[in-house]
């Protein structure tokens, strides 16, 4: 039986093979990238407080980075201990329960926070007046607390005998028993998988509706009332920057987490076990905690503006005018921007045409 593989099999040959073929360097590199990325993301959020003013969305971004960092710091030491013990499990069932709890908690909390981020953008774009009039930043704290309590409750179910935690191939990590055939094991496995898939589907639906609103051109600034056209365009552009980041986060979450959810459902159905596929799915899910912060670092509004300016400069040969510095605040006059080669060529042709016209006119008069 697959669930008893790590308990009923002589693991001497397996551990010796792992010690020869698997290097702890990969795990150490991922750990470093994950911790560094999440810490940098939190530092950038703190440094740019004046820009985002800790709006609801950015509080959720901070919560996502905190959850990812917490997941990395609480699960990696177990992996390092197993490496140090020559791939022999240490700590018995208590450590197994601990690792499984943390893995489930990290997955449920991060996926649910991303869904909350998508909901926030949906309300901001589709119902701007309601969003602006009802948003209370303290409510976000209660919502996040509820998400973390909910994730802890789901993670505790195997400890409350709704399912169970076991070691999985190559017997160096623990998760709930998705091979189990008992009713409790099947119920928890299906619940976990469907919860993850449902989160991704809901987030995708919200993002599609936001894109639909933008494509129809019916979006209005969320503070609504009387605003300048330029102010509304700037507001819309900021929302688009946020949407780009959110879509990237959602795509990464889908790619990293859906394989694990599918493997859980396949194993629950009683299919022939595929240990390498299960291990690969878990590694992809764990890699998500490393990618999330780097997406925020690379896809911040400031970085996207630079990419957009670089694109316009390469394609059109001009530097676009940014809303914040295109007009002199004192005089209201536009600041001149350098012209590109295409504009220079056009002006040269115009000057040549004017010169020829003047010469012809003079000859006729003469």
Protein backbone atom coordinates (compact mmCIF):
# COMPACT_ATOMS: atom_id res chain seq x y z
CA UNK A 1 0.00 0.00 0.00
CA UNK A 2 1.41 3.41 -1.02
CA UNK A 3 0.63 5.05 2.32
CA UNK A 4 2.77 2.48 4.16
CA UNK A 5 5.76 2.69 1.82
CA UNK A 6 7.92 4.69 4.23
CA UNK A 7 6.90 2.54 7.21
CA UNK A 8 6.97 -0.99 5.81
CA UNK A 9 9.99 -0.79 3.51
CA UNK A 10 13.68 -1.16 4.25
CA UNK A 11 14.88 2.34 3.40
CA UNK A 12 18.63 1.72 3.65
CA UNK A 13 19.18 1.50 -0.10
CA UNK A 14 16.95 4.51 -0.75
CA UNK A 15 18.70 6.76 1.77
CA UNK A 16 22.13 5.73 0.47
CA UNK A 17 21.05 6.56 -3.08
CA UNK A 18 19.67 9.94 -1.99
CA UNK A 19 22.87 10.76 -0.12
CA UNK A 20 24.86 10.15 -3.31
CA UNK A 21 22.55 11.85 -5.85
CA UNK A 22 20.79 14.70 -4.01
CA UNK A 23 22.64 17.83 -2.94
CA UNK A 24 21.43 20.18 -0.21
CA UNK A 25 22.76 23.11 -2.26
CA UNK A 26 19.52 23.39 -4.26
CA UNK A 27 17.42 23.67 -1.12
CA UNK A 28 19.85 26.18 0.39
CA UNK A 29 19.70 28.36 -2.74
CA UNK A 30 15.88 28.31 -2.82
CA UNK A 31 15.77 29.09 0.90
CA UNK A 32 18.08 32.08 0.41
CA UNK A 33 16.13 33.38 -2.60
CA UNK A 34 12.82 32.97 -0.79
CA UNK A 35 13.87 34.70 2.42
CA UNK A 36 15.73 37.47 0.58
CA UNK A 37 12.86 38.11 -1.83
CA UNK A 38 10.16 38.28 0.83
CA UNK A 39 12.25 40.50 3.10
CA UNK A 40 13.01 42.84 0.17
CA UNK A 41 9.32 42.96 -0.76
CA UNK A 42 8.39 43.96 2.79
CA UNK A 43 11.18 46.56 2.92
CA UNK A 44 10.00 48.09 -0.38
CA UNK A 45 6.45 48.26 0.92
CA UNK A 46 7.70 50.13 3.97
CA UNK A 47 9.93 52.47 1.96
CA UNK A 48 7.15 53.46 -0.45
CA UNK A 49 4.49 54.07 2.17
CA UNK A 50 3.96 57.64 0.93
CA UNK A 51 3.07 56.36 -2.55
CA UNK A 52 0.64 53.58 -1.69
CA UNK A 53 -0.43 54.95 1.74
CA UNK A 54 -1.06 51.39 2.86
CA UNK A 55 -4.18 50.98 0.76
CA UNK A 56 -6.14 47.77 1.12
CA UNK A 57 -4.43 46.06 -1.80
CA UNK A 58 -0.94 46.81 -0.50
CA UNK A 59 -1.84 45.56 2.95
CA UNK A 60 -2.83 42.30 1.28
CA UNK A 61 0.49 42.26 -0.60
CA UNK A 62 2.28 42.66 2.72
CA UNK A 63 0.23 39.83 4.21
CA UNK A 64 1.09 37.59 1.25
CA UNK A 65 4.81 38.28 1.63
CA UNK A 66 4.58 37.68 5.39
CA UNK A 67 2.75 34.37 4.88
CA UNK A 68 5.29 33.19 2.31
CA UNK A 69 8.19 34.17 4.55
CA UNK A 70 6.57 32.43 7.52
CA UNK A 71 6.06 29.27 5.45
CA UNK A 72 9.69 29.19 4.34
CA UNK A 73 11.12 29.82 7.80
CA UNK A 74 8.94 27.18 9.47
CA UNK A 75 9.36 24.33 6.97
CA UNK A 76 12.95 24.64 5.72
CA UNK A 77 14.64 23.72 9.04
CA UNK A 78 13.00 20.28 8.90
CA UNK A 79 14.40 19.70 5.41
CA UNK A 80 17.87 20.81 6.52
CA UNK A 81 17.69 18.47 9.52
CA UNK A 82 16.88 15.54 7.24
CA UNK A 83 19.78 16.46 4.94
CA UNK A 84 22.09 16.66 7.94
CA UNK A 85 20.88 13.24 9.12
CA UNK A 86 21.84 11.65 5.78
CA UNK A 87 18.21 11.60 4.57
CA UNK A 88 16.98 9.58 7.52
CA UNK A 89 13.78 11.00 9.04
CA UNK A 90 14.25 12.45 12.49
CA UNK A 91 11.74 13.58 15.10
CA UNK A 92 9.15 10.85 14.66
CA UNK A 93 5.44 11.54 14.23
CA UNK A 94 5.38 14.90 16.12
CA UNK A 95 7.75 16.49 13.59
CA UNK A 96 5.78 14.86 10.79
CA UNK A 97 2.56 16.43 12.08
CA UNK A 98 4.33 19.78 12.46
CA UNK A 99 5.66 19.81 8.88
CA UNK A 100 2.34 18.74 7.39
CA UNK A 101 0.50 21.41 9.39
CA UNK A 102 2.85 24.14 8.16
CA UNK A 103 2.68 23.03 4.52
CA UNK A 104 -1.13 22.97 4.55
CA UNK A 105 -1.30 26.29 6.40
CA UNK A 106 1.04 28.01 3.93
CA UNK A 107 -0.86 26.75 0.90
CA UNK A 108 -4.36 27.60 2.16
CA UNK A 109 -3.40 31.05 3.49
CA UNK A 110 -1.49 32.21 0.39
CA UNK A 111 -4.17 31.02 -2.05
CA UNK A 112 -6.93 32.65 0.00
CA UNK A 113 -5.02 35.94 0.27
CA UNK A 114 -4.59 36.04 -3.52
CA UNK A 115 -8.36 35.53 -3.85
CA UNK A 116 -8.89 38.46 -1.46
CA UNK A 117 -6.57 40.59 -3.61
CA UNK A 118 -8.62 39.76 -6.71
CA UNK A 119 -11.85 40.58 -4.86
CA UNK A 120 -10.39 43.93 -3.82
CA UNK A 121 -9.60 44.86 -7.45
CA UNK A 122 -13.04 43.68 -8.58
CA UNK A 123 -14.83 45.90 -6.08
CA UNK A 124 -12.54 48.86 -6.81
CA UNK A 125 -13.23 48.71 -10.56
CA UNK A 126 -16.85 47.52 -10.76
CA UNK A 127 -18.25 49.31 -7.70
CA UNK A 128 -15.92 52.30 -7.15
CA UNK A 129 -18.38 54.44 -5.18
CA UNK A 130 -19.27 51.61 -2.81
CA UNK A 131 -15.60 50.66 -2.51
CA UNK A 132 -14.53 54.20 -1.69
CA UNK A 133 -17.34 54.88 0.75
CA UNK A 134 -17.15 51.59 2.63
CA UNK A 135 -13.46 50.74 2.72
CA UNK A 136 -12.14 50.65 6.25
CA UNK A 137 -8.54 49.55 6.50
CA UNK A 138 -9.14 48.01 9.91
CA UNK A 139 -11.57 45.58 8.31
CA UNK A 140 -8.68 44.21 6.27
CA UNK A 141 -6.92 43.23 9.47
CA UNK A 142 -9.98 41.31 10.65
CA UNK A 143 -10.27 39.64 7.24
CA UNK A 144 -6.61 38.59 7.29
CA UNK A 145 -6.97 37.30 10.83
CA UNK A 146 -9.98 35.29 9.65
CA UNK A 147 -7.98 33.89 6.70
CA UNK A 148 -5.15 32.75 8.96
CA UNK A 149 -7.57 31.22 11.49
CA UNK A 150 -9.36 29.42 8.66
CA UNK A 151 -6.03 28.12 7.30
CA UNK A 152 -5.02 26.93 10.77
CA UNK A 153 -8.37 25.16 11.17
CA UNK A 154 -7.98 23.32 7.84
CA UNK A 155 -4.40 22.39 8.77
CA UNK A 156 -5.57 20.99 12.12
CA UNK A 157 -8.12 18.61 10.62
CA UNK A 158 -5.66 15.70 10.23
CA UNK A 159 -4.68 16.21 13.87
CA UNK A 160 -8.38 15.95 14.76
CA UNK A 161 -8.58 12.57 12.99
CA UNK A 162 -10.17 13.88 9.80
CA UNK A 163 -7.40 12.38 7.73
CA UNK A 164 -3.87 11.74 8.95
CA UNK A 165 -0.31 12.90 8.32
CA UNK A 166 2.26 10.48 6.93
CA UNK A 167 5.74 10.52 5.43
CA UNK A 168 5.86 10.52 1.65
CA UNK A 169 8.39 9.34 -0.92
CA UNK A 170 11.35 9.57 -0.65
CA UNK A 171 10.36 9.47 3.02
CA UNK A 172 11.98 12.83 3.76
CA UNK A 173 8.82 14.99 4.00
CA UNK A 174 5.35 14.77 5.50
CA UNK A 175 1.90 15.66 4.22
CA UNK A 176 -1.63 14.39 4.73
CA UNK A 177 -2.43 10.89 3.47
CA UNK A 178 -3.91 11.35 -0.01
CA UNK A 179 -3.49 7.62 -0.68
CA UNK A 180 -5.85 6.66 2.15
CA UNK A 181 -9.01 4.75 1.32
CA UNK A 182 -10.93 5.47 4.51
CA UNK A 183 -13.82 7.91 4.33
CA UNK A 184 -12.03 10.49 6.50
CA UNK A 185 -8.88 10.38 4.38
CA UNK A 186 -10.83 10.76 1.15
CA UNK A 187 -13.00 13.59 2.51
CA UNK A 188 -10.03 15.66 3.64
CA UNK A 189 -8.06 15.03 0.45
CA UNK A 190 -10.97 16.10 -1.76
CA UNK A 191 -11.68 19.10 0.50
CA UNK A 192 -8.07 20.31 0.28
CA UNK A 193 -7.83 19.88 -3.49
CA UNK A 194 -11.19 21.48 -4.25
CA UNK A 195 -10.46 24.37 -1.90
CA UNK A 196 -7.26 25.17 -3.79
CA UNK A 197 -8.85 24.82 -7.24
CA UNK A 198 -11.86 26.89 -6.15
CA UNK A 199 -9.61 29.71 -4.94
CA UNK A 200 -7.83 29.84 -8.29
CA UNK A 201 -11.10 29.76 -10.26
CA UNK A 202 -12.65 32.55 -8.18
CA UNK A 203 -9.54 34.71 -8.54
CA UNK A 204 -9.49 34.10 -12.29
CA UNK A 205 -13.16 35.07 -12.57
CA UNK A 206 -12.64 38.34 -10.69
CA UNK A 207 -9.63 39.24 -12.83
CA UNK A 208 -11.49 38.45 -16.07
CA UNK A 209 -14.33 40.73 -14.98
CA UNK A 210 -11.86 43.52 -14.23
CA UNK A 211 -10.26 43.11 -17.67
CA UNK A 212 -13.74 43.16 -19.23
CA UNK A 213 -14.50 46.46 -17.49
CA UNK A 214 -11.31 48.01 -18.79
CA UNK A 215 -11.85 46.71 -22.33
CA UNK A 216 -15.32 48.29 -22.46
CA UNK A 217 -13.86 51.63 -21.47
CA UNK A 218 -16.53 52.17 -18.81
CA UNK A 219 -14.16 52.36 -15.86
CA UNK A 220 -14.22 55.58 -13.87
CA UNK A 221 -11.89 56.71 -11.13
CA UNK A 222 -12.89 55.30 -7.81
CA UNK A 223 -13.05 58.67 -6.09
CA UNK A 224 -15.51 59.56 -8.70
CA UNK A 225 -16.78 63.14 -8.32
CA UNK A 226 -15.24 65.98 -10.35
CA UNK A 227 -11.74 65.22 -11.45
CA UNK A 228 -9.54 66.29 -14.34
CA UNK A 229 -9.27 64.05 -17.38
CA UNK A 230 -5.58 63.62 -16.69
CA UNK A 231 -6.29 62.60 -13.10
CA UNK A 232 -8.76 59.95 -14.23
CA UNK A 233 -6.30 58.61 -16.80
CA UNK A 234 -3.62 58.41 -14.14
CA UNK A 235 -6.01 56.57 -11.80
CA UNK A 236 -6.91 54.11 -14.54
CA UNK A 237 -3.27 53.55 -15.44
CA UNK A 238 -2.41 52.83 -11.80
CA UNK A 239 -5.22 50.27 -11.68
CA UNK A 240 -3.82 48.63 -14.82
CA UNK A 241 -0.36 48.40 -13.23
CA UNK A 242 -1.88 46.69 -10.20
CA UNK A 243 -3.88 44.37 -12.46
CA UNK A 244 -0.74 43.31 -14.36
CA UNK A 245 0.93 42.35 -11.08
CA UNK A 246 -2.18 40.52 -9.86
CA UNK A 247 -2.55 38.52 -13.09
CA UNK A 248 1.12 37.53 -12.90
CA UNK A 249 0.66 36.38 -9.30
CA UNK A 250 -2.44 34.39 -10.25
CA UNK A 251 -0.72 32.69 -13.21
CA UNK A 252 2.23 31.69 -11.04
CA UNK A 253 -0.09 30.35 -8.34
CA UNK A 254 -2.07 28.36 -10.91
CA UNK A 255 1.07 26.84 -12.47
CA UNK A 256 2.60 26.02 -9.08
CA UNK A 257 -0.45 24.76 -7.17
CA UNK A 258 -2.82 23.10 -9.67
CA UNK A 259 -0.44 20.14 -10.34
CA UNK A 260 -0.46 19.31 -6.61
CA UNK A 261 -4.26 19.56 -6.42
CA UNK A 262 -4.61 17.30 -9.46
CA UNK A 263 -2.15 14.75 -8.05
CA UNK A 264 -4.13 14.69 -4.78
CA UNK A 265 -7.38 14.00 -6.65
CA UNK A 266 -5.73 11.33 -8.82
CA UNK A 267 -4.25 9.55 -5.80
CA UNK A 268 -7.56 9.78 -3.94
CA UNK A 269 -9.28 8.03 -6.85
CA UNK A 270 -7.16 4.93 -6.26
CA UNK A 271 -4.92 5.25 -9.32
CA UNK A 272 -1.52 3.60 -9.49
CA UNK A 273 0.89 5.64 -7.32
CA UNK A 274 3.42 7.84 -9.10
CA UNK A 275 5.86 8.91 -6.41
CA UNK A 276 8.14 11.07 -8.61
CA UNK A 277 5.12 13.00 -9.96
CA UNK A 278 3.88 13.64 -6.42
CA UNK A 279 7.31 14.87 -5.34
CA UNK A 280 7.58 17.16 -8.37
CA UNK A 281 4.13 18.62 -7.67
CA UNK A 282 5.10 19.42 -4.08
CA UNK A 283 8.35 21.06 -5.17
CA UNK A 284 6.46 23.23 -7.66
CA UNK A 285 4.06 24.31 -4.92
CA UNK A 286 6.94 25.12 -2.56
CA UNK A 287 8.65 27.14 -5.30
CA UNK A 288 5.66 29.48 -5.34
CA UNK A 289 6.75 31.02 -2.03
CA UNK A 290 10.05 31.95 -3.68
CA UNK A 291 8.50 33.48 -6.82
CA UNK A 292 5.80 35.65 -5.21
CA UNK A 293 8.04 38.37 -3.75
CA UNK A 294 10.22 38.63 -6.85
CA UNK A 295 7.11 39.22 -8.94
CA UNK A 296 6.25 42.17 -6.72
CA UNK A 297 9.82 43.49 -6.91
CA UNK A 298 9.95 43.22 -10.72
CA UNK A 299 6.35 44.25 -11.47
CA UNK A 300 6.02 47.27 -9.21
CA UNK A 301 4.45 50.34 -10.80
CA UNK A 302 7.79 52.14 -10.93
CA UNK A 303 9.41 49.22 -12.77
CA UNK A 304 6.53 48.88 -15.23
CA UNK A 305 6.70 52.62 -16.00
CA UNK A 306 10.40 52.28 -16.81
CA UNK A 307 9.71 49.31 -19.08
CA UNK A 308 6.93 51.24 -20.82
CA UNK A 309 9.15 54.31 -21.30
CA UNK A 310 11.96 52.13 -22.69
CA UNK A 311 9.52 50.49 -25.12
CA UNK A 312 8.21 53.84 -26.36
CA UNK A 313 11.72 55.22 -26.75
CA UNK A 314 12.86 52.21 -28.79
CA UNK A 315 9.76 52.09 -30.98
CA UNK A 316 8.88 55.74 -31.46
CA UNK A 317 12.15 57.44 -30.61
CA UNK A 318 10.49 59.72 -28.06
CA UNK A 319 10.32 59.98 -24.33
CA UNK A 320 6.71 60.06 -23.24
CA UNK A 321 5.54 62.75 -20.89
CA UNK A 322 4.64 61.48 -17.44
CA UNK A 323 1.62 63.04 -15.73
CA UNK A 324 3.61 64.03 -12.68
CA UNK A 325 6.21 66.17 -14.46
CA UNK A 326 4.77 67.07 -17.82
CA UNK A 327 3.43 70.43 -16.63
CA UNK A 328 5.24 73.09 -14.69
CA UNK A 329 3.27 73.51 -11.49
CA UNK A 330 4.05 77.22 -11.31
CA UNK A 331 3.40 78.32 -14.87
CA UNK A 332 1.35 75.47 -16.27
CA UNK A 333 3.56 75.35 -19.37
CA UNK A 334 4.56 72.07 -20.95
CA UNK A 335 8.19 71.03 -20.65
CA UNK A 336 9.85 70.28 -23.97
CA UNK A 337 10.97 66.73 -24.55
CA UNK A 338 13.73 65.57 -26.95
CA UNK A 339 12.56 64.52 -30.41
CA UNK A 340 13.53 61.26 -32.03
CA UNK A 341 15.05 60.41 -35.44
CA UNK A 342 11.66 59.97 -37.13
CA UNK A 343 10.55 63.43 -36.07
CA UNK A 344 13.89 64.93 -37.20
CA UNK A 345 13.52 63.30 -40.62
CA UNK A 346 9.97 64.63 -40.96
CA UNK A 347 11.04 68.18 -40.03
CA UNK A 348 13.92 68.01 -42.51
CA UNK A 349 11.53 67.03 -45.30
CA UNK A 350 9.18 69.86 -44.33
CA UNK A 351 12.03 72.39 -44.39
CA UNK A 352 13.16 71.10 -47.78
CA UNK A 353 9.63 71.42 -49.15
CA UNK A 354 9.28 74.97 -47.79
CA UNK A 355 12.63 75.94 -49.35
CA UNK A 356 11.65 74.59 -52.77
CA UNK A 357 8.31 76.38 -52.60
CA UNK A 358 9.98 79.69 -51.76
CA UNK A 359 12.47 79.36 -54.63
CA UNK A 360 9.72 78.61 -57.15
CA UNK A 361 7.70 81.60 -55.98
CA UNK A 362 10.67 83.93 -56.32
CA UNK A 363 11.36 82.70 -59.86
CA UNK A 364 7.76 83.37 -60.88
CA UNK A 365 7.86 86.89 -59.42
CA UNK A 366 11.13 87.57 -61.17
